[in-house]
Amino acid sequence: MATRCVDRDPGLLGAPRVVNGDVIPARQATLSAIEADTGAPITAYVDETHAMSSSGSAAEMFRAAGIFGARLADALVVEGTYTFHAKAQLDIDGCTLTREVQWSHHVGVGIDPGATVVTVTPSGDGGVLVTFVPQDRYGNLVGPGAGDGMEVEPVPGCTPSGGLVDLGGGRYQQKLDCDPHGEDMPGVVVTQPGRDPVALVPPVRTRTIYRYPVQLHCGVQEDCPCECASLLPGRHATSISIFNGTEKPVQVAQSVVPTTLAGAKTRSWPETAGIRARERSEIGSMETVVVDCCTVSRLLLGAEPQGQQPLTKRRF
């Protein structure tokens, strides 16, 4: 079956029609209107003949077993209803025996994530707009006007804001509210009747991640006969400047690993210390931020300390 080309914008659908009390959906009503305008069927049918064999490969068997079949490569690749007519003929002692059977099968367009174009843009009010053009690997579009045949849900980390919008031309759009600090890419999960769900997200963006471990010394190291003390007696303070020299905002994740906290060692070799506090922030283009002892104390203790504090050593 092949589709006829008509001089009409395929992205524009007419309104639904009522025929004898039954509502004809917009898509089917538009196809019917095109046929009325052109005076010809919107589809043309093609007859194909295929010989079936009882060989093992053709009948999907290990060996011949009286079952006939044929492997059809790239068949049923256009949306529509296909009619099959199987005939069998056998000659026995000059007597011809014939058997035949007919059946129909409807083929819909299955969404292929690898062939579907997905874009994500800001909505202007804190959300994002996920626009996608669902199609299969043969280039057949789902629609226009097929949004009611798809169940659309957001990927984890996002919630829907409104329903699915049919933009015409086979394009659909879903507004989402997503965690701005989430690491997952916004997108949608689309389920078609009788098919497995497919995730539609933009191509994975290449991200460059830099990791810098920095040691901070904060507080007072008393003069004591401590053989294991790693710092000379005195007051110590460290600060870190983080500068974003790129043209885009960057996300900075900060983790604090104390090895000495308030004068007490938390871990010594071969024991290890773990992360005690985390924080994520954004630095704008050509902006800088300073992390000092008060910053780290706030992360560890929930407030900035007052007065002198015992020595604290941290990996930041």
C-alpha atoms as a PDB file:
ATOM      1  CA  MET A   1       0.000   0.000   0.000  1.00  0.00           C
ATOM      2  CA  ALA A   2       1.310   3.481  -0.892  1.00  0.00           C
ATOM      3  CA  THR A   3       0.057   6.931   0.086  1.00  0.00           C
ATOM      4  CA  ARG A   4      -0.987   9.439  -2.562  1.00  0.00           C
ATOM      5  CA  CYS A   5       0.497  12.936  -2.493  1.00  0.00           C
ATOM      6  CA  VAL A   6      -1.965  15.826  -2.365  1.00  0.00           C
ATOM      7  CA  ASP A   7      -1.533  19.588  -2.547  1.00  0.00           C
ATOM      8  CA  ARG A   8      -2.317  20.250   1.105  1.00  0.00           C
ATOM      9  CA  ASP A   9      -0.277  21.087   4.196  1.00  0.00           C
ATOM     10  CA  PRO A  10       0.064  17.736   6.048  1.00  0.00           C
ATOM     11  CA  GLY A  11       0.422  19.561   9.342  1.00  0.00           C
ATOM     12  CA  LEU A  12      -3.076  21.089   9.174  1.00  0.00           C
ATOM     13  CA  LEU A  13      -5.950  18.975  10.391  1.00  0.00           C
ATOM     14  CA  GLY A  14      -9.618  19.735   9.949  1.00  0.00           C
ATOM     15  CA  ALA A  15     -12.162  19.580  12.730  1.00  0.00           C
ATOM     16  CA  PRO A  16     -13.822  16.311  13.802  1.00  0.00           C
ATOM     17  CA  ARG A  17     -17.130  15.488  12.077  1.00  0.00           C
ATOM     18  CA  VAL A  18     -20.290  13.809  13.271  1.00  0.00           C
ATOM     19  CA  VAL A  19     -21.751  11.160  10.958  1.00  0.00           C
ATOM     20  CA  ASN A  20     -25.009   9.500  11.995  1.00  0.00           C
ATOM     21  CA  GLY A  21     -24.297  10.294  15.615  1.00  0.00           C
ATOM     22  CA  ASP A  22     -20.734   8.961  15.532  1.00  0.00           C
ATOM     23  CA  VAL A  23     -17.783  11.337  15.997  1.00  0.00           C
ATOM     24  CA  ILE A  24     -15.133  10.982  13.308  1.00  0.00           C
ATOM     25  CA  PRO A  25     -11.729  12.071  14.770  1.00  0.00           C
ATOM     26  CA  ALA A  26      -9.909  14.996  13.181  1.00  0.00           C
ATOM     27  CA  ARG A  27      -7.318  12.818  11.489  1.00  0.00           C
ATOM     28  CA  GLN A  28      -9.813  10.480   9.809  1.00  0.00           C
ATOM     29  CA  ALA A  29     -12.123  13.391   8.980  1.00  0.00           C
ATOM     30  CA  THR A  30      -9.251  15.198   7.259  1.00  0.00           C
ATOM     31  CA  LEU A  31      -8.334  12.123   5.204  1.00  0.00           C
ATOM     32  CA  SER A  32     -11.950  11.773   4.137  1.00  0.00           C
ATOM     33  CA  ALA A  33     -12.055  15.455   3.143  1.00  0.00           C
ATOM     34  CA  ILE A  34      -8.901  15.042   1.040  1.00  0.00           C
ATOM     35  CA  GLU A  35     -10.479  12.152  -0.813  1.00  0.00           C
ATOM     36  CA  ALA A  36     -13.587  14.268  -1.442  1.00  0.00           C
ATOM     37  CA  ASP A  37     -11.478  17.175  -2.734  1.00  0.00           C
ATOM     38  CA  THR A  38      -9.345  15.055  -5.061  1.00  0.00           C
ATOM     39  CA  GLY A  39     -12.075  12.665  -6.142  1.00  0.00           C
ATOM     40  CA  ALA A  40      -9.711   9.732  -5.654  1.00  0.00           C
ATOM     41  CA  PRO A  41      -8.704   7.409  -2.819  1.00  0.00           C
ATOM     42  CA  ILE A  42      -5.955   8.800  -0.622  1.00  0.00           C
ATOM     43  CA  THR A  43      -4.123   5.499  -0.793  1.00  0.00           C
ATOM     44  CA  ALA A  44      -3.215   3.247  -3.684  1.00  0.00           C
ATOM     45  CA  TYR A  45      -2.982  -0.503  -3.208  1.00  0.00           C
ATOM     46  CA  VAL A  46      -0.237  -2.696  -4.612  1.00  0.00           C
ATOM     47  CA  ASP A  47      -0.535  -6.460  -5.055  1.00  0.00           C
ATOM     48  CA  GLU A  48       2.567  -8.533  -4.334  1.00  0.00           C
ATOM     49  CA  THR A  49       3.005 -12.259  -4.813  1.00  0.00           C
ATOM     50  CA  HIS A  50       5.443 -14.298  -2.751  1.00  0.00           C
ATOM     51  CA  ALA A  51       6.147 -18.014  -3.080  1.00  0.00           C
ATOM     52  CA  MET A  52       6.248 -19.873   0.231  1.00  0.00           C
ATOM     53  CA  SER A  53       8.548 -22.752   0.992  1.00  0.00           C
ATOM     54  CA  SER A  54       8.601 -25.606   3.499  1.00  0.00           C
ATOM     55  CA  SER A  55      12.351 -25.308   4.040  1.00  0.00           C
ATOM     56  CA  GLY A  56      13.497 -24.906   7.593  1.00  0.00           C
ATOM     57  CA  SER A  57      14.682 -21.290   7.239  1.00  0.00           C
ATOM     58  CA  ALA A  58      11.505 -20.138   5.459  1.00  0.00           C
ATOM     59  CA  ALA A  59       9.137 -21.813   7.910  1.00  0.00           C
ATOM     60  CA  GLU A  60      11.193 -20.808  10.986  1.00  0.00           C
ATOM     61  CA  MET A  61      11.809 -24.500  11.724  1.00  0.00           C
ATOM     62  CA  PHE A  62      14.966 -26.546  12.149  1.00  0.00           C
ATOM     63  CA  ARG A  63      13.965 -28.737   9.217  1.00  0.00           C
ATOM     64  CA  ALA A  64      11.123 -29.205   6.754  1.00  0.00           C
ATOM     65  CA  ALA A  65       7.946 -30.114   8.643  1.00  0.00           C
ATOM     66  CA  GLY A  66       5.070 -29.547   6.234  1.00  0.00           C
ATOM     67  CA  ILE A  67       4.748 -25.903   7.295  1.00  0.00           C
ATOM     68  CA  PHE A  68       5.119 -23.307   4.536  1.00  0.00           C
ATOM     69  CA  GLY A  69       6.336 -19.777   4.995  1.00  0.00           C
ATOM     70  CA  ALA A  70       8.372 -16.916   3.501  1.00  0.00           C
ATOM     71  CA  ARG A  71      10.695 -14.398   5.104  1.00  0.00           C
ATOM     72  CA  LEU A  72       9.813 -10.897   3.843  1.00  0.00           C
ATOM     73  CA  ALA A  73      12.521  -8.295   4.299  1.00  0.00           C
ATOM     74  CA  ASP A  74      11.380  -4.715   5.022  1.00  0.00           C
ATOM     75  CA  ALA A  75       7.719  -5.570   4.520  1.00  0.00           C
ATOM     76  CA  LEU A  76       4.788  -3.824   6.197  1.00  0.00           C
ATOM     77  CA  VAL A  77       6.827  -0.615   6.570  1.00  0.00           C
ATOM     78  CA  VAL A  78       3.996   1.823   5.757  1.00  0.00           C
ATOM     79  CA  GLU A  79       1.123   2.575   8.106  1.00  0.00           C
ATOM     80  CA  GLY A  80      -2.175   1.097   6.991  1.00  0.00           C
ATOM     81  CA  THR A  81      -4.246  -2.082   6.742  1.00  0.00           C
ATOM     82  CA  TYR A  82      -2.756  -5.017   4.838  1.00  0.00           C
ATOM     83  CA  THR A  83      -4.799  -7.888   3.388  1.00  0.00           C
ATOM     84  CA  PHE A  84      -3.204 -11.313   3.074  1.00  0.00           C
ATOM     85  CA  HIS A  85      -4.492 -13.994   0.711  1.00  0.00           C
ATOM     86  CA  ALA A  86      -2.779 -17.370   1.025  1.00  0.00           C
ATOM     87  CA  LYS A  87      -3.406 -20.062  -1.612  1.00  0.00           C
ATOM     88  CA  ALA A  88      -2.288 -23.670  -1.606  1.00  0.00           C
ATOM     89  CA  GLN A  89      -2.680 -26.093  -4.538  1.00  0.00           C
ATOM     90  CA  LEU A  90      -1.951 -29.795  -4.649  1.00  0.00           C
ATOM     91  CA  ASP A  91      -2.259 -32.230  -7.616  1.00  0.00           C
ATOM     92  CA  ILE A  92      -3.015 -35.876  -6.745  1.00  0.00           C
ATOM     93  CA  ASP A  93      -3.599 -38.370  -9.540  1.00  0.00           C
ATOM     94  CA  GLY A  94      -4.915 -35.672 -11.867  1.00  0.00           C
ATOM     95  CA  CYS A  95      -7.148 -34.194  -9.174  1.00  0.00           C
ATOM     96  CA  THR A  96      -6.331 -30.621  -8.135  1.00  0.00           C
ATOM     97  CA  LEU A  97      -6.974 -29.682  -4.503  1.00  0.00           C
ATOM     98  CA  THR A  98      -7.067 -25.991  -3.595  1.00  0.00           C
ATOM     99  CA  ARG A  99      -7.239 -24.290  -0.221  1.00  0.00           C
ATOM    100  CA  GLU A 100      -7.103 -20.574   0.526  1.00  0.00           C
ATOM    101  CA  VAL A 101      -7.564 -18.192   3.435  1.00  0.00           C
ATOM    102  CA  GLN A 102      -7.694 -14.396   3.816  1.00  0.00           C
ATOM    103  CA  TRP A 103      -7.041 -12.110   6.746  1.00  0.00           C
ATOM    104  CA  SER A 104      -6.219  -8.445   7.394  1.00  0.00           C
ATOM    105  CA  HIS A 105      -3.656  -6.827   9.667  1.00  0.00           C
ATOM    106  CA  HIS A 106      -3.352  -3.150  10.605  1.00  0.00           C
ATOM    107  CA  VAL A 107       0.155  -1.706  10.951  1.00  0.00           C
ATOM    108  CA  GLY A 108       0.759   1.430  12.995  1.00  0.00           C
ATOM    109  CA  VAL A 109       3.934   3.482  13.243  1.00  0.00           C
ATOM    110  CA  GLY A 110       6.118   2.382  16.148  1.00  0.00           C
ATOM    111  CA  ILE A 111       8.306   5.083  17.685  1.00  0.00           C
ATOM    112  CA  ASP A 112      12.031   4.518  17.277  1.00  0.00           C
ATOM    113  CA  PRO A 113      14.013   6.627  19.807  1.00  0.00           C
ATOM    114  CA  GLY A 114      17.041   6.596  17.520  1.00  0.00           C
ATOM    115  CA  ALA A 115      15.067   8.155  14.645  1.00  0.00           C
ATOM    116  CA  THR A 116      13.028  10.625  16.744  1.00  0.00           C
ATOM    117  CA  VAL A 117      14.238  14.212  17.024  1.00  0.00           C
ATOM    118  CA  VAL A 118      13.900  15.599  20.577  1.00  0.00           C
ATOM    119  CA  THR A 119      14.676  19.137  21.738  1.00  0.00           C
ATOM    120  CA  VAL A 120      14.386  20.763  25.171  1.00  0.00           C
ATOM    121  CA  THR A 121      14.007  24.535  25.527  1.00  0.00           C
ATOM    122  CA  PRO A 122      13.198  26.814  28.511  1.00  0.00           C
ATOM    123  CA  SER A 123       9.511  27.688  28.815  1.00  0.00           C
ATOM    124  CA  GLY A 124      10.242  31.144  30.250  1.00  0.00           C
ATOM    125  CA  ASP A 125       8.554  30.507  33.591  1.00  0.00           C
ATOM    126  CA  GLY A 126      10.997  28.076  35.159  1.00  0.00           C
ATOM    127  CA  GLY A 127       9.870  24.989  33.248  1.00  0.00           C
ATOM    128  CA  VAL A 128      11.044  23.320  30.065  1.00  0.00           C
ATOM    129  CA  LEU A 129       9.345  22.457  26.770  1.00  0.00           C
ATOM    130  CA  VAL A 130      10.080  19.008  25.368  1.00  0.00           C
ATOM    131  CA  THR A 131       9.346  18.972  21.628  1.00  0.00           C
ATOM    132  CA  PHE A 132       9.580  15.702  19.728  1.00  0.00           C
ATOM    133  CA  VAL A 133       8.823  14.374  16.252  1.00  0.00           C
ATOM    134  CA  PRO A 134       8.066  10.658  16.787  1.00  0.00           C
ATOM    135  CA  GLN A 135       8.805   8.397  13.839  1.00  0.00           C
ATOM    136  CA  ASP A 136      10.038   4.934  12.999  1.00  0.00           C
ATOM    137  CA  ARG A 137      13.318   3.920  11.425  1.00  0.00           C
ATOM    138  CA  TYR A 138      11.719   4.089   7.959  1.00  0.00           C
ATOM    139  CA  GLY A 139      10.890   7.798   8.352  1.00  0.00           C
ATOM    140  CA  ASN A 140       7.135   7.348   8.923  1.00  0.00           C
ATOM    141  CA  LEU A 141       5.727   9.976  11.270  1.00  0.00           C
ATOM    142  CA  VAL A 142       3.279   9.324  14.097  1.00  0.00           C
ATOM    143  CA  GLY A 143       0.625  11.781  13.053  1.00  0.00           C
ATOM    144  CA  PRO A 144      -0.223  14.528  12.787  1.00  0.00           C
ATOM    145  CA  GLY A 145      -3.302  14.131  14.937  1.00  0.00           C
ATOM    146  CA  ALA A 146      -2.160  10.949  16.694  1.00  0.00           C
ATOM    147  CA  GLY A 147      -1.547  12.424  20.130  1.00  0.00           C
ATOM    148  CA  ASP A 148      -4.588  10.661  21.581  1.00  0.00           C
ATOM    149  CA  GLY A 149      -2.946   7.339  20.766  1.00  0.00           C
ATOM    150  CA  MET A 150       0.121   8.037  22.909  1.00  0.00           C
ATOM    151  CA  GLU A 151       0.499   8.016  26.674  1.00  0.00           C
ATOM    152  CA  VAL A 152       3.143  10.574  27.616  1.00  0.00           C
ATOM    153  CA  GLU A 153       4.832  10.661  31.027  1.00  0.00           C
ATOM    154  CA  PRO A 154       7.886  12.652  32.195  1.00  0.00           C
ATOM    155  CA  VAL A 155      11.194  10.996  32.964  1.00  0.00           C
ATOM    156  CA  PRO A 156      12.115  10.706  36.677  1.00  0.00           C
ATOM    157  CA  GLY A 157      12.916  14.083  38.229  1.00  0.00           C
ATOM    158  CA  CYS A 158      10.245  15.961  36.261  1.00  0.00           C
ATOM    159  CA  THR A 159       6.490  16.500  36.579  1.00  0.00           C
ATOM    160  CA  PRO A 160       4.065  17.351  33.761  1.00  0.00           C
ATOM    161  CA  SER A 161       2.639  20.853  33.492  1.00  0.00           C
ATOM    162  CA  GLY A 162      -0.437  20.659  31.279  1.00  0.00           C
ATOM    163  CA  GLY A 163      -1.235  18.106  28.611  1.00  0.00           C
ATOM    164  CA  LEU A 164       0.353  17.055  25.346  1.00  0.00           C
ATOM    165  CA  VAL A 165       0.111  19.700  22.605  1.00  0.00           C
ATOM    166  CA  ASP A 166      -0.117  18.724  18.929  1.00  0.00           C
ATOM    167  CA  LEU A 167       1.906  21.320  17.000  1.00  0.00           C
ATOM    168  CA  GLY A 168       0.965  19.873  13.615  1.00  0.00           C
ATOM    169  CA  GLY A 169       3.213  18.290  11.027  1.00  0.00           C
ATOM    170  CA  GLY A 170       3.875  15.333  13.324  1.00  0.00           C
ATOM    171  CA  ARG A 171       5.386  17.523  16.069  1.00  0.00           C
ATOM    172  CA  TYR A 172       4.261  17.269  19.690  1.00  0.00           C
ATOM    173  CA  GLN A 173       5.181  19.238  22.775  1.00  0.00           C
ATOM    174  CA  GLN A 174       4.967  18.571  26.513  1.00  0.00           C
ATOM    175  CA  LYS A 175       5.733  21.120  29.210  1.00  0.00           C
ATOM    176  CA  LEU A 176       7.610  19.838  32.270  1.00  0.00           C
ATOM    177  CA  ASP A 177       8.724  21.158  35.632  1.00  0.00           C
ATOM    178  CA  CYS A 178      12.133  19.630  36.431  1.00  0.00           C
ATOM    179  CA  ASP A 179      14.697  19.870  39.209  1.00  0.00           C
ATOM    180  CA  PRO A 180      17.098  22.608  38.019  1.00  0.00           C
ATOM    181  CA  HIS A 181      19.964  20.928  39.855  1.00  0.00           C
ATOM    182  CA  GLY A 182      19.159  17.415  38.671  1.00  0.00           C
ATOM    183  CA  GLU A 183      21.790  15.514  36.729  1.00  0.00           C
ATOM    184  CA  ASP A 184      19.328  13.692  34.428  1.00  0.00           C
ATOM    185  CA  MET A 185      18.332  15.131  31.047  1.00  0.00           C
ATOM    186  CA  PRO A 186      14.671  16.239  30.825  1.00  0.00           C
ATOM    187  CA  GLY A 187      12.528  14.151  28.513  1.00  0.00           C
ATOM    188  CA  VAL A 188       9.388  12.065  28.224  1.00  0.00           C
ATOM    189  CA  VAL A 189       8.443   8.392  28.186  1.00  0.00           C
ATOM    190  CA  VAL A 190       5.919   7.548  25.455  1.00  0.00           C
ATOM    191  CA  THR A 191       3.797   4.402  25.431  1.00  0.00           C
ATOM    192  CA  GLN A 192       1.793   3.288  22.396  1.00  0.00           C
ATOM    193  CA  PRO A 193      -0.949   0.642  22.629  1.00  0.00           C
ATOM    194  CA  GLY A 194       0.547  -2.838  22.455  1.00  0.00           C
ATOM    195  CA  ARG A 195       4.128  -1.552  22.519  1.00  0.00           C
ATOM    196  CA  ASP A 196       6.807  -1.151  25.162  1.00  0.00           C
ATOM    197  CA  PRO A 197       7.460   2.354  26.547  1.00  0.00           C
ATOM    198  CA  VAL A 198      10.258   4.329  24.896  1.00  0.00           C
ATOM    199  CA  ALA A 199      12.259   7.149  26.477  1.00  0.00           C
ATOM    200  CA  LEU A 200      12.640  10.271  24.334  1.00  0.00           C
ATOM    201  CA  VAL A 201      15.442  12.548  25.507  1.00  0.00           C
ATOM    202  CA  PRO A 202      17.826  14.844  23.635  1.00  0.00           C
ATOM    203  CA  PRO A 203      21.200  13.426  22.616  1.00  0.00           C
ATOM    204  CA  VAL A 204      23.547  13.128  25.581  1.00  0.00           C
ATOM    205  CA  ARG A 205      25.541  16.274  25.970  1.00  0.00           C
ATOM    206  CA  THR A 206      29.245  15.899  26.522  1.00  0.00           C
ATOM    207  CA  ARG A 207      30.123  17.359  29.888  1.00  0.00           C
ATOM    208  CA  THR A 208      33.597  18.143  31.137  1.00  0.00           C
ATOM    209  CA  ILE A 209      34.010  17.401  34.836  1.00  0.00           C
ATOM    210  CA  TYR A 210      36.967  18.759  36.786  1.00  0.00           C
ATOM    211  CA  ARG A 211      37.797  17.469  40.255  1.00  0.00           C
ATOM    212  CA  TYR A 212      40.103  19.414  42.573  1.00  0.00           C
ATOM    213  CA  PRO A 213      40.897  18.123  46.079  1.00  0.00           C
ATOM    214  CA  VAL A 214      42.068  21.027  48.269  1.00  0.00           C
ATOM    215  CA  GLN A 215      43.176  20.835  51.905  1.00  0.00           C
ATOM    216  CA  LEU A 216      41.976  23.498  54.328  1.00  0.00           C
ATOM    217  CA  HIS A 217      43.489  24.245  57.760  1.00  0.00           C
ATOM    218  CA  CYS A 218      41.185  26.192  60.050  1.00  0.00           C
ATOM    219  CA  GLY A 219      41.531  26.998  63.743  1.00  0.00           C
ATOM    220  CA  VAL A 220      44.235  27.055  66.411  1.00  0.00           C
ATOM    221  CA  GLN A 221      46.975  24.451  66.770  1.00  0.00           C
ATOM    222  CA  GLU A 222      48.045  24.534  70.413  1.00  0.00           C
ATOM    223  CA  ASP A 223      51.664  24.167  71.454  1.00  0.00           C
ATOM    224  CA  CYS A 224      51.726  20.646  72.765  1.00  0.00           C
ATOM    225  CA  PRO A 225      54.145  17.700  72.836  1.00  0.00           C
ATOM    226  CA  CYS A 226      52.050  15.933  70.211  1.00  0.00           C
ATOM    227  CA  GLU A 227      54.331  13.723  68.125  1.00  0.00           C
ATOM    228  CA  CYS A 228      51.651  13.292  65.452  1.00  0.00           C
ATOM    229  CA  ALA A 229      50.848  16.988  64.970  1.00  0.00           C
ATOM    230  CA  SER A 230      51.264  17.933  61.302  1.00  0.00           C
ATOM    231  CA  LEU A 231      51.182  21.731  61.813  1.00  0.00           C
ATOM    232  CA  LEU A 232      53.257  24.138  63.818  1.00  0.00           C
ATOM    233  CA  PRO A 233      51.576  25.890  66.755  1.00  0.00           C
ATOM    234  CA  GLY A 234      49.577  28.957  65.741  1.00  0.00           C
ATOM    235  CA  ARG A 235      46.339  30.119  64.128  1.00  0.00           C
ATOM    236  CA  HIS A 236      45.669  28.752  60.654  1.00  0.00           C
ATOM    237  CA  ALA A 237      43.161  29.815  57.998  1.00  0.00           C
ATOM    238  CA  THR A 238      42.729  28.842  54.339  1.00  0.00           C
ATOM    239  CA  SER A 239      40.483  30.135  51.554  1.00  0.00           C
ATOM    240  CA  ILE A 240      39.761  28.883  48.048  1.00  0.00           C
ATOM    241  CA  SER A 241      38.772  31.040  45.078  1.00  0.00           C
ATOM    242  CA  ILE A 242      36.709  29.345  42.338  1.00  0.00           C
ATOM    243  CA  PHE A 243      36.517  31.297  39.084  1.00  0.00           C
ATOM    244  CA  ASN A 244      34.307  30.510  36.092  1.00  0.00           C
ATOM    245  CA  GLY A 245      36.139  31.766  33.029  1.00  0.00           C
ATOM    246  CA  THR A 246      33.673  30.259  30.526  1.00  0.00           C
ATOM    247  CA  GLU A 247      30.813  31.955  28.691  1.00  0.00           C
ATOM    248  CA  LYS A 248      28.155  29.782  30.358  1.00  0.00           C
ATOM    249  CA  PRO A 249      27.111  29.173  33.971  1.00  0.00           C
ATOM    250  CA  VAL A 250      28.705  26.122  35.566  1.00  0.00           C
ATOM    251  CA  GLN A 251      27.571  23.829  38.369  1.00  0.00           C
ATOM    252  CA  VAL A 252      29.967  23.393  41.303  1.00  0.00           C
ATOM    253  CA  ALA A 253      29.524  20.475  43.695  1.00  0.00           C
ATOM    254  CA  GLN A 254      31.369  20.816  47.018  1.00  0.00           C
ATOM    255  CA  SER A 255      32.090  17.909  49.354  1.00  0.00           C
ATOM    256  CA  VAL A 256      33.735  18.183  52.789  1.00  0.00           C
ATOM    257  CA  VAL A 257      35.850  15.338  54.214  1.00  0.00           C
ATOM    258  CA  PRO A 258      37.196  16.211  57.702  1.00  0.00           C
ATOM    259  CA  THR A 259      40.384  14.397  58.758  1.00  0.00           C
ATOM    260  CA  THR A 260      40.732  16.447  61.952  1.00  0.00           C
ATOM    261  CA  LEU A 261      37.607  17.955  63.493  1.00  0.00           C
ATOM    262  CA  ALA A 262      37.735  20.366  66.454  1.00  0.00           C
ATOM    263  CA  GLY A 263      41.195  19.153  67.420  1.00  0.00           C
ATOM    264  CA  ALA A 264      40.399  15.442  67.221  1.00  0.00           C
ATOM    265  CA  LYS A 265      41.659  13.256  64.408  1.00  0.00           C
ATOM    266  CA  THR A 266      38.812  11.441  62.702  1.00  0.00           C
ATOM    267  CA  ARG A 267      40.916   9.001  60.724  1.00  0.00           C
ATOM    268  CA  SER A 268      44.577   8.001  60.382  1.00  0.00           C
ATOM    269  CA  TRP A 269      46.225   5.566  58.064  1.00  0.00           C
ATOM    270  CA  PRO A 270      45.173   2.901  57.210  1.00  0.00           C
ATOM    271  CA  GLU A 271      41.650   4.047  58.170  1.00  0.00           C
ATOM    272  CA  THR A 272      39.836   6.366  55.767  1.00  0.00           C
ATOM    273  CA  ALA A 273      37.504   9.337  56.217  1.00  0.00           C
ATOM    274  CA  GLY A 274      34.239   9.866  54.388  1.00  0.00           C
ATOM    275  CA  ILE A 275      32.204  12.832  53.162  1.00  0.00           C
ATOM    276  CA  ARG A 276      30.398  14.666  55.983  1.00  0.00           C
ATOM    277  CA  ALA A 277      28.684  17.461  54.025  1.00  0.00           C
ATOM    278  CA  ARG A 278      27.771  18.367  50.431  1.00  0.00           C
ATOM    279  CA  GLU A 279      26.582  21.494  48.686  1.00  0.00           C
ATOM    280  CA  ARG A 280      25.819  22.414  45.071  1.00  0.00           C
ATOM    281  CA  SER A 281      25.845  25.926  43.633  1.00  0.00           C
ATOM    282  CA  GLU A 282      26.013  27.716  40.296  1.00  0.00           C
ATOM    283  CA  ILE A 283      28.655  30.225  39.238  1.00  0.00           C
ATOM    284  CA  GLY A 284      27.786  32.614  36.430  1.00  0.00           C
ATOM    285  CA  SER A 285      30.007  33.460  33.478  1.00  0.00           C
ATOM    286  CA  MET A 286      33.171  35.359  34.481  1.00  0.00           C
ATOM    287  CA  GLU A 287      32.173  35.223  38.158  1.00  0.00           C
ATOM    288  CA  THR A 288      34.079  33.972  41.196  1.00  0.00           C
ATOM    289  CA  VAL A 289      33.234  32.667  44.641  1.00  0.00           C
ATOM    290  CA  VAL A 290      35.375  32.307  47.764  1.00  0.00           C
ATOM    291  CA  VAL A 291      35.191  29.307  50.071  1.00  0.00           C
ATOM    292  CA  ASP A 292      36.786  29.921  53.476  1.00  0.00           C
ATOM    293  CA  CYS A 293      36.855  28.383  56.941  1.00  0.00           C
ATOM    294  CA  CYS A 294      33.479  29.895  57.867  1.00  0.00           C
ATOM    295  CA  THR A 295      31.926  28.347  54.759  1.00  0.00           C
ATOM    296  CA  VAL A 296      33.141  24.866  55.628  1.00  0.00           C
ATOM    297  CA  SER A 297      32.190  25.228  59.323  1.00  0.00           C
ATOM    298  CA  ARG A 298      28.681  26.199  58.264  1.00  0.00           C
ATOM    299  CA  LEU A 299      28.449  23.084  56.118  1.00  0.00           C
ATOM    300  CA  LEU A 300      29.694  20.849  58.945  1.00  0.00           C
ATOM    301  CA  LEU A 301      28.079  22.514  61.976  1.00  0.00           C
ATOM    302  CA  GLY A 302      25.095  24.354  60.472  1.00  0.00           C
ATOM    303  CA  ALA A 303      26.328  27.803  61.620  1.00  0.00           C
ATOM    304  CA  GLU A 304      29.461  29.924  61.595  1.00  0.00           C
ATOM    305  CA  PRO A 305      31.570  29.482  64.762  1.00  0.00           C
ATOM    306  CA  GLN A 306      32.114  32.293  67.271  1.00  0.00           C
ATOM    307  CA  GLY A 307      35.581  32.971  68.695  1.00  0.00           C
ATOM    308  CA  GLN A 308      38.657  30.813  68.299  1.00  0.00           C
ATOM    309  CA  GLN A 309      38.155  27.165  67.437  1.00  0.00           C
ATOM    310  CA  PRO A 310      40.347  24.094  67.795  1.00  0.00           C
ATOM    311  CA  LEU A 311      42.156  23.020  64.680  1.00  0.00           C
ATOM    312  CA  THR A 312      40.100  21.428  61.926  1.00  0.00           C
ATOM    313  CA  LYS A 313      41.662  19.887  58.791  1.00  0.00           C
ATOM    314  CA  ARG A 314      39.444  19.134  55.829  1.00  0.00           C
ATOM    315  CA  ARG A 315      39.645  17.862  52.285  1.00  0.00           C
ATOM    316  CA  PHE A 316      37.348  20.051  50.187  1.00  0.00           C
END
